[in-house]
Protein backbone atom coordinates (compact mmCIF):
# COMPACT_ATOMS: atom_id res chain seq x y z
CA MET A 1 112.31 108.38 85.77
CA ARG A 2 110.62 107.13 82.61
CA ARG A 3 109.61 103.47 83.00
CA LEU A 4 110.51 101.03 80.24
CA ARG A 5 107.25 99.11 80.68
CA ASN A 6 103.51 99.73 80.66
CA VAL A 7 102.26 97.54 83.51
CA LYS A 8 102.48 99.29 86.89
CA ILE A 9 104.02 97.98 90.10
CA VAL A 10 102.25 98.39 93.44
CA ALA A 11 104.57 98.03 96.45
CA THR A 12 103.24 97.60 99.98
CA LEU A 13 105.07 99.52 102.70
CA GLY A 14 105.75 98.05 106.13
CA PRO A 15 108.49 97.35 108.67
CA SER A 16 111.01 96.52 105.93
CA SER A 17 110.23 99.65 103.94
CA SER A 18 109.28 102.48 106.24
CA ASP A 19 112.30 104.80 106.08
CA TYR A 20 113.01 107.50 103.50
CA ASN A 21 115.97 105.81 101.79
CA THR A 22 114.21 102.47 101.32
CA ILE A 23 111.02 104.04 99.95
CA LYS A 24 113.18 106.21 97.70
CA GLU A 25 114.95 103.13 96.30
CA LEU A 26 111.65 101.31 95.81
CA PHE A 27 110.43 104.23 93.71
CA GLU A 28 113.66 104.57 91.77
CA TYR A 29 113.72 100.87 90.91
CA GLY A 30 110.13 100.70 89.74
CA ALA A 31 107.33 101.18 92.28
CA ASP A 32 104.59 103.34 90.72
CA VAL A 33 102.00 103.02 93.49
CA PHE A 34 102.57 102.61 97.22
CA ARG A 35 100.10 100.61 99.30
CA LEU A 36 99.44 101.49 102.94
CA ASN A 37 97.99 98.45 104.69
CA MET A 38 95.59 99.61 107.40
CA SER A 39 95.67 96.15 109.03
CA HIS A 40 99.16 96.91 110.33
CA GLY A 41 100.89 99.95 111.76
CA SER A 42 99.75 102.92 113.79
CA TYR A 43 98.33 106.14 112.38
CA ASP A 44 101.70 107.76 113.06
CA ASN A 45 103.41 105.06 110.96
CA ILE A 46 100.93 105.55 108.11
CA LYS A 47 101.27 109.33 108.24
CA ASP A 48 105.09 109.15 108.20
CA ARG A 49 105.08 106.92 105.11
CA HIS A 50 102.58 109.20 103.39
CA THR A 51 104.80 112.21 104.13
CA ILE A 52 107.88 110.47 102.70
CA ILE A 53 106.05 109.59 99.47
CA ARG A 54 104.94 113.19 98.98
CA LYS A 55 108.52 114.40 99.60
CA LEU A 56 109.76 112.02 96.90
CA GLU A 57 107.06 113.30 94.58
CA LYS A 58 108.44 116.82 94.94
CA LYS A 59 112.05 115.66 94.67
CA TYR A 60 111.49 113.88 91.36
CA SER A 61 108.68 116.11 90.00
CA ARG A 62 106.81 112.90 89.27
CA PRO A 63 103.29 112.04 90.51
CA ILE A 64 103.10 108.99 92.80
CA ALA A 65 99.84 107.23 93.68
CA ILE A 66 99.04 106.12 97.23
CA LEU A 67 96.59 103.29 97.87
CA ALA A 68 95.19 102.75 101.37
CA ASP A 69 93.89 99.23 101.97
CA LEU A 70 91.22 98.83 104.66
CA GLN A 71 91.31 95.74 106.87
CA GLY A 72 87.66 94.85 106.31
CA PRO A 73 85.41 92.66 108.49
CA LYS A 74 87.88 89.83 109.08
CA LEU A 75 86.30 86.87 110.91
CA ARG A 76 88.32 85.47 113.82
CA CYS A 77 87.77 82.96 116.61
CA GLY A 78 88.39 83.71 120.30
CA ILE A 79 91.26 82.63 122.54
CA PHE A 80 92.13 79.29 124.16
CA LYS A 81 93.00 78.44 127.76
CA ASN A 82 96.35 77.06 126.60
CA GLU A 83 96.74 79.43 123.60
CA SER A 84 96.22 76.64 121.06
CA ILE A 85 94.78 73.17 120.46
CA ILE A 86 95.39 70.37 117.96
CA LEU A 87 92.37 68.95 116.16
CA GLU A 88 92.43 65.51 114.57
CA LYS A 89 90.31 64.23 111.69
CA ASN A 90 86.81 63.15 112.81
CA ASP A 91 87.06 65.11 116.08
CA LYS A 92 83.91 66.92 117.16
CA PHE A 93 84.32 70.64 117.77
CA SER A 94 81.93 73.54 118.38
CA PHE A 95 81.81 77.31 117.96
CA ASP A 96 79.59 79.26 120.34
CA LEU A 97 78.72 82.73 121.62
CA GLU A 98 80.12 82.23 125.13
CA ASP A 99 82.95 84.71 125.65
CA VAL A 100 85.28 82.49 127.70
CA PRO A 101 88.59 80.85 126.71
CA GLY A 102 88.21 77.78 124.53
CA ASP A 103 89.39 74.18 124.98
CA GLN A 104 89.67 70.96 123.01
CA LYS A 105 85.90 70.88 122.44
CA ARG A 106 84.82 74.48 121.75
CA VAL A 107 85.81 78.11 121.21
CA TYR A 108 84.13 81.51 121.17
CA LEU A 109 83.15 82.88 117.76
CA PRO A 110 82.33 86.61 118.19
CA HIS A 111 80.25 86.96 115.03
CA LYS A 112 76.51 86.53 115.64
CA GLU A 113 75.83 86.96 111.93
CA ILE A 114 77.40 83.58 111.15
CA PHE A 115 75.09 81.78 113.56
CA LYS A 116 72.08 83.24 111.75
CA THR A 117 73.13 82.26 108.25
CA ILE A 118 75.35 79.16 108.26
CA ARG A 119 73.65 75.86 107.50
CA LYS A 120 74.24 72.15 107.97
CA ASN A 121 76.93 70.62 105.71
CA GLU A 122 78.57 74.00 104.98
CA PRO A 123 82.33 74.21 105.63
CA ILE A 124 84.20 76.34 108.15
CA LEU A 125 87.88 76.99 107.38
CA VAL A 126 90.43 78.03 110.00
CA ASP A 127 93.86 79.63 109.51
CA ASP A 128 93.65 80.18 105.74
CA GLY A 129 92.11 76.76 105.18
CA LYS A 130 94.75 74.73 107.00
CA VAL A 131 91.99 73.30 109.22
CA LYS A 132 88.61 72.36 107.73
CA LEU A 133 85.42 71.56 109.61
CA ARG A 134 81.96 70.59 108.36
CA VAL A 135 78.82 71.92 110.11
CA GLN A 136 76.70 69.17 111.66
CA SER A 137 74.07 71.37 113.30
CA VAL A 138 73.27 74.96 114.29
CA LYS A 139 71.10 75.35 117.40
CA ASN A 140 70.81 77.59 120.46
CA GLY A 141 73.89 79.64 119.60
CA ILE A 142 76.12 76.60 119.04
CA ILE A 143 77.60 75.45 115.71
CA LYS A 144 78.55 71.80 116.06
CA CYS A 145 81.14 70.56 113.56
CA LEU A 146 83.06 67.49 112.45
CA VAL A 147 86.76 67.96 111.68
CA GLU A 148 87.64 66.96 108.10
CA ASN A 149 91.23 68.24 107.95
CA GLY A 150 93.01 68.48 111.28
CA GLY A 151 95.70 70.82 112.50
CA THR A 152 96.59 73.46 115.05
CA VAL A 153 94.10 76.19 115.98
CA SER A 154 95.50 79.04 118.07
CA ASN A 155 94.27 82.33 119.50
CA ARG A 156 92.27 84.62 117.20
CA LYS A 157 92.92 82.65 114.03
CA GLY A 158 91.06 83.73 110.92
CA ILE A 159 87.80 82.02 110.01
CA ASN A 160 86.37 81.59 106.51
CA VAL A 161 82.85 80.46 105.63
CA PRO A 162 83.04 80.21 101.82
CA GLU A 163 79.54 78.92 101.18
CA THR A 164 77.80 81.37 103.51
CA LEU A 165 76.77 84.92 102.61
CA VAL A 166 77.29 86.61 105.96
CA PRO A 167 75.12 89.76 106.40
CA MET A 168 77.94 91.87 107.78
CA ALA A 169 78.52 95.56 107.18
CA ALA A 170 81.16 96.20 104.52
CA LEU A 171 83.00 98.48 106.92
CA SER A 172 83.74 97.70 110.56
CA ALA A 173 84.01 100.44 113.18
CA LYS A 174 87.79 100.34 112.68
CA ASP A 175 87.36 100.62 108.91
CA LYS A 176 85.17 103.70 109.22
CA LYS A 177 87.70 105.38 111.48
CA ASP A 178 90.55 104.39 109.13
CA LEU A 179 88.57 105.65 106.13
CA GLU A 180 88.24 109.12 107.62
CA PHE A 181 91.91 109.17 108.57
CA VAL A 182 93.26 108.28 105.12
CA CYS A 183 90.76 110.48 103.27
CA ASP A 184 91.83 113.44 105.41
CA LEU A 185 95.46 112.45 104.85
CA GLY A 186 94.92 112.52 101.11
CA VAL A 187 95.22 109.11 99.46
CA ASP A 188 94.42 108.53 95.80
CA TRP A 189 92.85 105.08 96.00
CA LEU A 190 90.98 103.27 98.78
CA ALA A 191 90.72 99.47 98.68
CA LEU A 192 87.71 97.80 100.28
CA SER A 193 88.39 94.33 101.70
CA PHE A 194 86.03 91.33 101.71
CA VAL A 195 83.48 92.94 99.40
CA GLN A 196 80.51 90.59 99.02
CA THR A 197 78.09 92.50 96.78
CA ALA A 198 77.80 95.85 94.99
CA LYS A 199 75.79 97.13 97.95
CA ASP A 200 79.00 97.16 100.02
CA ILE A 201 80.63 99.59 97.60
CA ILE A 202 77.59 101.85 97.40
CA GLU A 203 77.49 102.13 101.20
CA ALA A 204 81.22 102.85 101.41
CA LYS A 205 81.01 105.57 98.76
CA LYS A 206 78.42 107.40 100.84
CA LEU A 207 81.08 107.79 103.54
CA ILE A 208 83.89 108.58 101.10
CA LYS A 209 81.91 111.44 99.51
CA GLY A 210 84.09 111.63 96.44
CA ARG A 211 87.31 112.24 98.35
CA THR A 212 89.11 109.29 96.77
CA SER A 213 88.60 106.54 94.20
CA VAL A 214 87.46 103.07 95.24
CA ILE A 215 89.06 99.70 94.48
CA SER A 216 87.02 96.60 95.28
CA LYS A 217 89.04 93.61 96.41
CA ILE A 218 87.71 90.35 95.02
CA GLU A 219 88.40 87.72 97.68
CA LYS A 220 84.97 86.18 98.36
CA PRO A 221 82.98 83.71 96.21
CA SER A 222 79.96 86.01 96.51
CA ALA A 223 82.01 88.84 94.98
CA VAL A 224 82.85 86.65 91.99
CA THR A 225 79.13 85.89 91.60
CA ASP A 226 78.15 89.57 91.77
CA PHE A 227 81.21 90.81 89.87
CA GLU A 228 79.35 92.56 87.05
CA ALA A 229 77.52 94.84 89.49
CA ILE A 230 80.64 95.29 91.63
CA LEU A 231 82.67 96.39 88.61
CA ALA A 232 79.97 98.84 87.54
CA ASN A 233 80.09 100.55 90.94
CA SER A 234 83.88 100.47 91.43
CA ASP A 235 86.64 102.70 90.09
CA GLY A 236 89.08 99.78 90.01
CA ILE A 237 89.48 96.12 90.99
CA MET A 238 92.04 94.12 92.95
CA ILE A 239 92.08 90.35 92.48
CA ALA A 240 93.20 89.33 95.98
CA ARG A 241 94.04 85.71 95.33
CA GLY A 242 95.09 84.85 98.88
CA ASP A 243 91.71 84.79 100.58
CA LEU A 244 89.98 83.93 97.31
CA GLY A 245 92.16 80.81 97.10
CA VAL A 246 91.16 79.86 100.63
CA GLU A 247 87.44 80.18 100.02
CA MET A 248 87.40 78.58 96.57
CA PRO A 249 89.18 75.56 95.06
CA VAL A 250 92.70 76.64 94.11
CA GLN A 251 92.27 75.29 90.58
CA ALA A 252 89.38 77.74 90.07
CA ILE A 253 91.54 80.82 90.68
CA PRO A 254 93.41 81.04 87.32
CA PRO A 255 90.25 81.05 85.14
CA ILE A 256 88.56 83.50 87.52
CA GLN A 257 91.59 85.79 87.29
CA LYS A 258 91.48 85.72 83.49
CA ARG A 259 87.74 86.45 83.36
CA LEU A 260 88.01 89.34 85.80
CA VAL A 261 90.98 90.93 84.03
CA MET A 262 89.14 90.70 80.71
CA ALA A 263 86.03 92.31 82.19
CA CYS A 264 88.03 95.20 83.67
CA ARG A 265 89.78 95.81 80.37
CA GLN A 266 86.45 95.83 78.57
CA PHE A 267 85.28 98.76 80.68
CA ALA A 268 88.68 100.50 80.88
CA LYS A 269 88.88 100.15 84.68
CA PRO A 270 92.26 99.40 86.26
CA VAL A 271 92.81 95.91 87.63
CA ILE A 272 95.55 94.84 90.05
CA VAL A 273 96.61 91.20 90.32
CA ALA A 274 97.77 90.65 93.90
CA THR A 275 98.95 88.23 96.59
CA GLN A 276 101.92 85.87 96.75
CA MET A 277 103.30 86.94 93.37
CA LEU A 278 106.93 86.68 94.49
CA ASP A 279 106.25 85.16 97.91
CA SER A 280 109.54 83.28 98.22
CA MET A 281 111.37 86.63 98.04
CA VAL A 282 110.21 87.35 101.58
CA ASP A 283 113.18 85.19 102.61
CA SER A 284 115.18 84.76 99.40
CA PRO A 285 116.86 87.25 97.04
CA MET A 286 115.67 85.14 94.09
CA PRO A 287 112.13 84.12 93.11
CA THR A 288 111.06 80.65 92.03
CA ARG A 289 110.47 79.96 88.34
CA ALA A 290 106.79 79.35 89.08
CA GLU A 291 106.49 82.82 90.65
CA VAL A 292 108.12 84.45 87.64
CA SER A 293 105.61 82.65 85.42
CA ASP A 294 102.76 83.83 87.64
CA VAL A 295 103.79 87.48 87.30
CA ALA A 296 104.34 87.00 83.57
CA ASN A 297 100.89 85.46 83.16
CA ALA A 298 99.19 88.48 84.77
CA ILE A 299 101.12 90.78 82.41
CA TYR A 300 100.22 88.69 79.36
CA GLU A 301 96.56 88.96 80.42
CA GLY A 302 96.84 92.75 80.23
CA ALA A 303 96.53 93.61 83.93
CA ASP A 304 97.11 97.28 84.74
CA ALA A 305 99.26 96.46 87.76
CA VAL A 306 100.94 93.65 89.68
CA MET A 307 101.39 93.92 93.43
CA LEU A 308 103.97 93.11 96.07
CA SER A 309 102.61 92.48 99.57
CA ALA A 310 104.81 90.92 102.26
CA GLU A 311 107.69 90.85 99.76
CA SER A 312 108.17 94.62 100.05
CA ALA A 313 106.46 95.24 103.40
CA ALA A 314 108.03 92.67 105.69
CA GLY A 315 110.51 90.70 103.62
CA ALA A 316 114.29 90.68 103.79
CA PHE A 317 114.71 91.81 100.18
CA PRO A 318 112.18 94.56 99.34
CA ILE A 319 114.40 96.34 96.79
CA GLU A 320 115.29 93.09 95.03
CA ALA A 321 111.58 92.19 94.82
CA VAL A 322 110.76 95.44 92.99
CA LYS A 323 113.79 95.04 90.70
CA THR A 324 112.71 91.49 89.89
CA MET A 325 109.14 92.47 89.09
CA ASP A 326 110.37 95.35 86.94
CA SER A 327 112.73 93.10 84.96
CA ILE A 328 110.03 90.47 84.43
CA ALA A 329 107.63 93.13 83.10
CA ILE A 330 110.21 94.57 80.70
CA GLU A 331 111.06 91.12 79.36
CA ILE A 332 107.43 90.12 78.82
CA GLU A 333 106.42 93.38 77.16
CA ASN A 334 109.32 93.04 74.71
CA ASP A 335 108.07 89.60 73.70
CA PRO A 336 106.29 89.78 70.27
CA THR A 337 103.70 87.35 71.65
CA TYR A 338 102.70 89.90 74.28
CA ARG A 339 102.01 92.52 71.61
CA LYS A 340 99.94 90.03 69.61
CA ILE A 341 97.85 89.22 72.68
CA MET A 342 97.18 92.90 73.39
CA ASP A 343 96.24 93.54 69.75
CA ASN A 344 93.89 90.55 69.64
CA SER A 345 92.13 91.11 72.95
CA ARG A 346 90.31 94.40 72.45
CA PHE A 347 86.59 94.07 72.86
CA ARG A 348 85.36 97.22 74.60
CA GLN A 349 82.21 98.59 72.97
CA LYS A 350 82.73 101.90 71.17
CA GLU A 351 79.68 104.07 71.77
CA THR A 352 80.77 107.70 72.15
CA VAL A 353 82.80 110.36 70.37
CA ALA A 354 85.48 109.96 73.04
CA ASP A 355 85.62 106.22 72.31
CA ALA A 356 85.99 106.91 68.60
CA ILE A 357 88.78 109.43 69.18
CA THR A 358 90.78 107.02 71.34
CA VAL A 359 90.36 104.16 68.87
CA ALA A 360 91.47 106.48 66.06
CA ALA A 361 94.54 107.54 68.08
CA ARG A 362 95.53 103.92 68.62
CA GLU A 363 94.98 103.01 64.95
CA ILE A 364 97.00 106.01 63.74
CA ALA A 365 99.80 104.96 66.08
CA GLU A 366 99.76 101.51 64.49
CA THR A 367 99.95 102.75 60.91
CA THR A 368 102.13 105.87 61.07
CA PRO A 369 105.54 106.57 62.67
CA VAL A 370 104.28 108.47 65.72
CA THR A 371 106.22 107.96 68.94
CA ALA A 372 103.60 108.71 71.63
CA ILE A 373 99.94 109.46 72.28
CA CYS A 374 99.61 112.61 74.39
CA CYS A 375 96.31 112.97 76.27
CA PHE A 376 95.48 116.40 77.64
CA THR A 377 92.98 115.62 80.38
CA HIS A 378 91.25 117.34 83.28
CA SER A 379 89.31 114.48 84.87
CA GLY A 380 91.55 111.71 83.52
CA ALA A 381 88.85 110.29 81.23
CA THR A 382 90.82 110.75 78.00
CA ALA A 383 93.92 108.98 79.34
CA LYS A 384 91.83 106.17 80.85
CA LEU A 385 90.22 105.43 77.49
CA VAL A 386 93.57 105.45 75.67
CA SER A 387 95.06 103.18 78.33
CA GLY A 388 92.17 100.78 77.78
CA GLU A 389 93.15 100.49 74.11
CA ARG A 390 96.62 99.15 75.08
CA PRO A 391 98.36 101.05 72.22
CA ARG A 392 101.77 100.13 70.81
CA VAL A 393 103.30 103.52 71.67
CA PRO A 394 103.72 105.22 75.08
CA ILE A 395 100.91 107.26 76.63
CA ILE A 396 101.68 110.70 78.07
CA ALA A 397 98.89 111.93 80.33
CA LEU A 398 99.10 115.71 80.71
CA THR A 399 96.92 117.38 83.32
CA PRO A 400 96.96 120.59 85.38
CA LEU A 401 95.58 118.69 88.39
CA ILE A 402 97.93 116.78 90.68
CA LYS A 403 94.98 114.71 91.95
CA THR A 404 94.24 113.47 88.43
CA ALA A 405 97.91 112.78 87.72
CA ARG A 406 98.24 110.66 90.86
CA LEU A 407 95.06 108.76 90.07
CA LEU A 408 96.32 107.89 86.58
CA CYS A 409 99.57 106.41 87.96
CA LEU A 410 97.71 103.11 88.38
CA TYR A 411 96.63 102.90 84.74
CA TRP A 412 98.49 100.76 82.21
CA GLY A 413 101.03 102.74 80.22
CA ALA A 414 100.23 106.20 81.57
CA HIS A 415 103.27 108.45 82.07
CA CYS A 416 101.76 111.33 84.07
CA VAL A 417 102.94 114.91 83.65
CA ILE A 418 101.72 118.03 85.50
CA THR A 419 101.23 120.92 83.10
CA GLY A 420 99.78 124.39 83.28
CA HIS A 421 96.13 125.24 82.64
CA VAL A 422 95.36 125.79 78.98
CA ASP A 423 92.36 127.30 77.24
CA ARG A 424 93.33 126.64 73.59
CA PHE A 425 94.12 123.42 71.76
CA LYS A 426 97.24 125.06 70.32
CA MET A 427 98.64 125.33 73.83
CA ALA A 428 97.81 121.68 74.50
CA VAL A 429 99.85 120.72 71.42
CA ILE A 430 102.79 122.89 72.55
CA ASN A 431 102.75 121.41 76.06
CA ALA A 432 102.51 117.89 74.64
CA ALA A 433 105.48 118.44 72.31
CA ARG A 434 107.59 119.87 75.12
CA ALA A 435 106.75 116.98 77.44
CA ALA A 436 107.46 114.39 74.74
CA LYS A 437 110.87 115.93 74.13
CA LYS A 438 111.72 116.50 77.80
CA TYR A 439 110.90 112.94 78.88
CA LYS A 440 112.55 111.41 75.79
CA PHE A 441 109.41 110.06 74.16
CA ALA A 442 110.19 111.93 70.95
CA ASN A 443 113.10 113.67 69.25
CA ILE A 444 113.01 116.78 67.10
CA ASP A 445 111.15 116.16 63.82
CA GLU A 446 109.38 113.05 65.12
CA GLN A 447 105.60 113.01 65.39
CA ILE A 448 103.16 112.61 68.29
CA ILE A 449 99.39 112.29 68.56
CA VAL A 450 97.57 114.82 70.74
CA THR A 451 94.03 114.24 72.01
CA ALA A 452 91.93 116.59 74.13
CA GLY A 453 88.44 117.88 74.79
CA VAL A 454 87.27 121.30 73.67
CA PRO A 455 86.12 123.35 75.52
CA PHE A 456 88.81 122.57 78.08
CA ASN A 457 88.28 121.65 81.73
CA GLN A 458 85.01 119.82 81.07
CA PRO A 459 85.17 116.13 82.06
CA GLY A 460 84.34 113.56 79.40
CA SER A 461 84.49 115.93 76.42
CA THR A 462 87.26 114.26 74.36
CA ASN A 463 86.49 115.36 70.82
CA ILE A 464 89.68 116.36 69.00
CA ILE A 465 92.78 114.59 67.70
CA ARG A 466 95.87 115.86 65.90
CA VAL A 467 99.13 114.40 64.59
CA SER A 468 101.79 116.98 65.32
CA PRO A 469 105.51 117.21 64.64
CA VAL A 470 107.85 117.82 67.56
CA ASN A 471 109.74 120.70 65.97
CA GLU A 472 111.88 123.49 67.35
CA LYS A 473 109.17 126.07 66.79
CA LEU A 474 106.85 124.21 69.18
CA ILE A 475 109.59 123.42 71.69
CA PHE A 476 111.27 126.81 71.82
CA GLY A 477 108.57 129.14 70.47
CA SER A 478 106.40 131.52 72.43
CA ASP A 479 103.50 130.14 74.45
CA GLU A 480 101.32 132.78 72.85
CA GLU A 481 101.85 131.62 69.28
């Protein structure tokens, strides 16, 4: 089950991928992380998929990460007497707080917070930006608008207010209930939707209480503005380009994506590029050339992971989508240009002994014939730092903790292996040599790099490095040598 690439693939599960055999094939063909979308499916559905993933983990003796994605405070309008209306350019239309079915002139908007913060001349977007209105006035619980781009508006369509910072709680009542459910279930990552500022993450972490790691989804202009603080308080980032592309000019998304990926790499935090990556494969067994280029671009930027959404969750060709993404990644990473970009885009500040050790490991790998960097880690810190260096050779992350192994499945290049507890560096070297041989990262008489922290089992204590041969004495000798 060794992958022939470093970038990870996140596959969303749904109606098209909810049974054992399909999830099994998704994993076999390349999915490293499975996403459970809390916007869809019952708790029984989510639990069943979680159970299947853990069964596959045991079957293949390979850690698999599970990411639960909260719905977030999605803004929606009310319903209409006739289910939908058609707005024309220059029509006048209003949103109000009257909970009765709407008509050609008005509709209920069940979000008091918007009425308190939106201002004249700010836009309101409906149905992912297909319909655009401009605020003319806000008075007495009524937002009067002029239609700029017409179209159909139907029951409970999504609303976006890109120029308004809405003072809404980061987690809705549903989100809080979902959070407790997935934390009790045992997920490895939790994605927060529609994050606006770092305060949203801080509040969510109080409820999470360390039970899982937090990914902040960047899909609001305010999140881009406050990104530095958001990154500092997050364990990982997802660039959710769907809603971000609705709330910001589409031409602004590529440079934002590049800046955010660079920032995440600088601080060795995993970043997922998501949304519409192979969107045509929802209905077609083949992607468009533009989609292939989009996936390739994210990989060239050095993203830790690329994500499939509807393609694997609700599409007609979920297996083909994973195969396609896997083949694109392999092709790009074998391109000499890719390696040059990775080598020329390191800029993380080196301030600690652990930083120095990981830089040394990467530089040794570049100048000597070692075949892998083996990180013996308890908290995952050692492997995270090595991943951030984007080395030329594979990374083997060895840990006695299944929780740490699953967490690291999202990190660029990390091949995660569960090993026994060790209390001596000699044993770490032996375990590393055996893993390198077993998983075909090294042959007898080839060399590997081993990094670890002594004393063991203390997070953040990486302080030792060794170049070791993979010889028969290490592979077949006594553990007590």
